[in-house]
Every structure is written in structure tokens, then in C-alpha cells.
Amino acid sequence: MIYKVYYQETKERNPKREQTLSLYIEADNDVVARQLVEDNTPYNIEFVQALEGSHLEYEKENAEFTLTEF
């Protein structure tokens, strides 16, 4: 399944909506997706969202959709 992970680039500052970034990752479940990002980046993860069906198709068409691999 593909997940969209919302994050801040650093854990040092308080999260601000304007500075929230996202990446896409393929994992078995949201726990694994979160763990992959935590183990491989210094990011402060805000939210992990499963993408499927029409929501996934929308993201593929309208966003900078690139799967991140670690």
C-alpha cells in the first residue's frame, strides 16, 4: 500500500502548517511506513495517511508524486 507521510524537516522547531512537507512511501502498513521514515531521516513526522482508490489516482495526477525508497 502507498502512504503519504506529512513531516517537518527538523525535530528542533515547533511544527508549522506552512512548513509541512510530504513524501510518498510504499509499505505493508502505516506502522512500517512511519518506522522506515524515522529510521532513515531526521524528520518530525506529523501524520501518515493511506492512499487508495480515487484518492491515490488524484495524488498521482495532481501532485509531485514520486515514491521514496530507503
N, C-alpha and C. Protein backbone atom coordinates (compact mmCIF):
# COMPACT_ATOMS: atom_id res chain seq x y z
N MET A 1 0.84 -1.18 0.00
CA MET A 1 0.00 0.00 0.00
C MET A 1 0.89 1.24 0.00
N ILE A 2 0.38 2.31 -0.54
CA ILE A 2 1.13 3.56 -0.61
C ILE A 2 0.61 4.51 0.46
N TYR A 3 1.56 5.15 1.13
CA TYR A 3 1.23 6.09 2.21
C TYR A 3 1.83 7.45 1.91
N LYS A 4 1.11 8.48 2.32
CA LYS A 4 1.60 9.84 2.24
C LYS A 4 1.99 10.24 3.66
N VAL A 5 3.24 10.63 3.83
CA VAL A 5 3.76 10.98 5.14
C VAL A 5 3.97 12.49 5.18
N TYR A 6 3.28 13.15 6.10
CA TYR A 6 3.43 14.58 6.32
C TYR A 6 4.49 14.78 7.40
N TYR A 7 5.43 15.70 7.17
CA TYR A 7 6.52 15.86 8.12
C TYR A 7 7.08 17.28 8.13
N GLN A 8 7.83 17.57 9.18
CA GLN A 8 8.65 18.76 9.28
C GLN A 8 10.09 18.31 9.10
N GLU A 9 10.93 19.14 8.51
CA GLU A 9 12.30 18.73 8.22
C GLU A 9 13.16 18.54 9.46
N THR A 10 12.77 19.12 10.57
CA THR A 10 13.58 19.02 11.78
C THR A 10 12.70 18.82 13.00
N LYS A 11 13.25 18.18 14.01
CA LYS A 11 12.54 17.98 15.27
C LYS A 11 12.84 19.11 16.25
N GLU A 12 13.68 20.05 15.84
CA GLU A 12 14.14 21.12 16.72
C GLU A 12 13.10 22.23 16.90
N ARG A 13 12.28 22.48 15.89
CA ARG A 13 11.31 23.58 15.94
C ARG A 13 9.89 23.04 16.08
N ASN A 14 9.02 23.90 16.55
CA ASN A 14 7.60 23.55 16.62
C ASN A 14 7.03 23.43 15.21
N PRO A 15 6.15 22.46 14.98
CA PRO A 15 5.55 22.30 13.64
C PRO A 15 4.71 23.52 13.25
N LYS A 16 4.83 23.92 12.00
CA LYS A 16 4.01 24.99 11.43
C LYS A 16 3.42 24.47 10.13
N ARG A 17 2.15 24.68 9.94
CA ARG A 17 1.46 24.19 8.76
C ARG A 17 2.14 24.65 7.47
N GLU A 18 2.62 25.87 7.45
CA GLU A 18 3.24 26.41 6.25
C GLU A 18 4.54 25.69 5.89
N GLN A 19 5.14 25.01 6.85
CA GLN A 19 6.41 24.33 6.61
C GLN A 19 6.25 22.81 6.51
N THR A 20 5.03 22.33 6.48
CA THR A 20 4.80 20.90 6.37
C THR A 20 5.08 20.43 4.95
N LEU A 21 5.86 19.37 4.86
CA LEU A 21 6.19 18.75 3.58
C LEU A 21 5.60 17.35 3.57
N SER A 22 5.68 16.69 2.42
CA SER A 22 5.15 15.32 2.35
C SER A 22 6.00 14.48 1.42
N LEU A 23 5.95 13.19 1.67
CA LEU A 23 6.60 12.22 0.79
C LEU A 23 5.69 11.01 0.68
N TYR A 24 5.93 10.22 -0.35
CA TYR A 24 5.13 9.02 -0.60
C TYR A 24 6.03 7.80 -0.42
N ILE A 25 5.50 6.80 0.26
CA ILE A 25 6.27 5.60 0.53
C ILE A 25 5.38 4.37 0.40
N GLU A 26 5.96 3.29 -0.06
CA GLU A 26 5.23 2.03 -0.15
C GLU A 26 5.64 1.15 1.02
N ALA A 27 4.65 0.65 1.76
CA ALA A 27 4.91 -0.19 2.93
C ALA A 27 3.71 -1.10 3.17
N ASP A 28 3.92 -2.10 4.02
CA ASP A 28 2.85 -3.05 4.33
C ASP A 28 1.73 -2.44 5.16
N ASN A 29 2.09 -1.51 6.08
CA ASN A 29 1.08 -0.83 6.89
C ASN A 29 1.64 0.50 7.37
N ASP A 30 0.82 1.30 8.04
CA ASP A 30 1.24 2.63 8.44
C ASP A 30 2.34 2.61 9.50
N VAL A 31 2.37 1.59 10.33
CA VAL A 31 3.42 1.48 11.35
C VAL A 31 4.78 1.27 10.68
N VAL A 32 4.82 0.42 9.68
CA VAL A 32 6.06 0.16 8.95
C VAL A 32 6.49 1.42 8.19
N ALA A 33 5.54 2.12 7.59
CA ALA A 33 5.86 3.35 6.86
C ALA A 33 6.47 4.38 7.79
N ARG A 34 5.87 4.57 8.96
CA ARG A 34 6.40 5.53 9.94
C ARG A 34 7.80 5.11 10.38
N GLN A 35 8.01 3.84 10.64
CA GLN A 35 9.30 3.35 11.11
C GLN A 35 10.39 3.54 10.06
N LEU A 36 10.05 3.29 8.78
CA LEU A 36 11.02 3.50 7.70
C LEU A 36 11.49 4.95 7.65
N VAL A 37 10.55 5.87 7.75
CA VAL A 37 10.90 7.29 7.69
C VAL A 37 11.70 7.69 8.93
N GLU A 38 11.29 7.23 10.10
CA GLU A 38 12.01 7.57 11.33
C GLU A 38 13.43 7.02 11.32
N ASP A 39 13.62 5.82 10.80
CA ASP A 39 14.94 5.19 10.80
C ASP A 39 15.89 5.81 9.78
N ASN A 40 15.36 6.42 8.74
CA ASN A 40 16.20 6.89 7.64
C ASN A 40 16.28 8.40 7.47
N THR A 41 15.57 9.15 8.30
CA THR A 41 15.58 10.61 8.17
C THR A 41 15.56 11.27 9.55
N PRO A 42 15.88 12.55 9.62
CA PRO A 42 15.75 13.29 10.89
C PRO A 42 14.40 13.99 11.01
N TYR A 43 13.43 13.61 10.18
CA TYR A 43 12.16 14.32 10.09
C TYR A 43 11.29 14.12 11.32
N ASN A 44 10.47 15.12 11.58
CA ASN A 44 9.45 15.07 12.61
C ASN A 44 8.13 14.71 11.91
N ILE A 45 7.69 13.49 12.05
CA ILE A 45 6.50 13.01 11.35
C ILE A 45 5.25 13.52 12.04
N GLU A 46 4.37 14.12 11.26
CA GLU A 46 3.12 14.64 11.79
C GLU A 46 1.97 13.65 11.60
N PHE A 47 1.90 13.05 10.40
CA PHE A 47 0.74 12.22 10.07
C PHE A 47 1.10 11.27 8.95
N VAL A 48 0.57 10.05 9.02
CA VAL A 48 0.76 9.06 7.96
C VAL A 48 -0.63 8.70 7.43
N GLN A 49 -0.85 8.91 6.14
CA GLN A 49 -2.16 8.71 5.53
C GLN A 49 -2.09 7.65 4.44
N ALA A 50 -2.95 6.65 4.53
CA ALA A 50 -3.03 5.62 3.49
C ALA A 50 -3.71 6.20 2.25
N LEU A 51 -3.16 5.88 1.08
CA LEU A 51 -3.75 6.34 -0.18
C LEU A 51 -4.23 5.13 -0.95
N GLU A 52 -5.48 5.18 -1.39
CA GLU A 52 -6.02 4.10 -2.20
C GLU A 52 -7.17 4.62 -3.06
N GLY A 53 -7.48 3.88 -4.07
CA GLY A 53 -8.61 4.22 -4.93
C GLY A 53 -8.46 5.56 -5.62
N SER A 54 -9.54 6.33 -5.62
CA SER A 54 -9.55 7.61 -6.33
C SER A 54 -8.63 8.63 -5.68
N HIS A 55 -8.42 8.53 -4.38
CA HIS A 55 -7.50 9.45 -3.70
C HIS A 55 -6.07 9.24 -4.21
N LEU A 56 -5.67 8.00 -4.37
CA LEU A 56 -4.34 7.69 -4.90
C LEU A 56 -4.22 8.18 -6.34
N GLU A 57 -5.24 7.96 -7.15
CA GLU A 57 -5.21 8.42 -8.53
C GLU A 57 -5.08 9.94 -8.61
N TYR A 58 -5.81 10.65 -7.74
CA TYR A 58 -5.72 12.11 -7.69
C TYR A 58 -4.30 12.55 -7.36
N GLU A 59 -3.69 11.94 -6.36
CA GLU A 59 -2.33 12.30 -5.97
C GLU A 59 -1.35 12.05 -7.12
N LYS A 60 -1.53 10.96 -7.82
CA LYS A 60 -0.64 10.64 -8.94
C LYS A 60 -0.75 11.67 -10.05
N GLU A 61 -1.95 12.20 -10.28
CA GLU A 61 -2.17 13.14 -11.37
C GLU A 61 -1.84 14.58 -11.01
N ASN A 62 -2.08 14.98 -9.77
CA ASN A 62 -2.04 16.40 -9.43
C ASN A 62 -0.93 16.83 -8.48
N ALA A 63 -0.17 15.92 -7.98
CA ALA A 63 0.90 16.30 -7.06
C ALA A 63 2.24 15.85 -7.62
N GLU A 64 3.29 16.24 -6.94
CA GLU A 64 4.61 15.78 -7.33
C GLU A 64 4.78 14.37 -6.76
N PHE A 65 4.19 13.42 -7.42
CA PHE A 65 4.12 12.05 -6.92
C PHE A 65 5.37 11.28 -7.31
N THR A 66 6.20 10.98 -6.33
CA THR A 66 7.38 10.15 -6.52
C THR A 66 7.53 9.29 -5.27
N LEU A 67 7.60 7.99 -5.47
CA LEU A 67 7.79 7.10 -4.32
C LEU A 67 9.20 7.24 -3.78
N THR A 68 9.31 7.40 -2.47
CA THR A 68 10.61 7.48 -1.82
C THR A 68 11.05 6.09 -1.42
N GLU A 69 12.30 5.78 -1.71
CA GLU A 69 12.84 4.48 -1.34
C GLU A 69 14.04 4.66 -0.42
N PHE A 70 14.12 3.85 0.61
CA PHE A 70 15.26 3.90 1.53
C PHE A 70 16.09 2.67 1.40
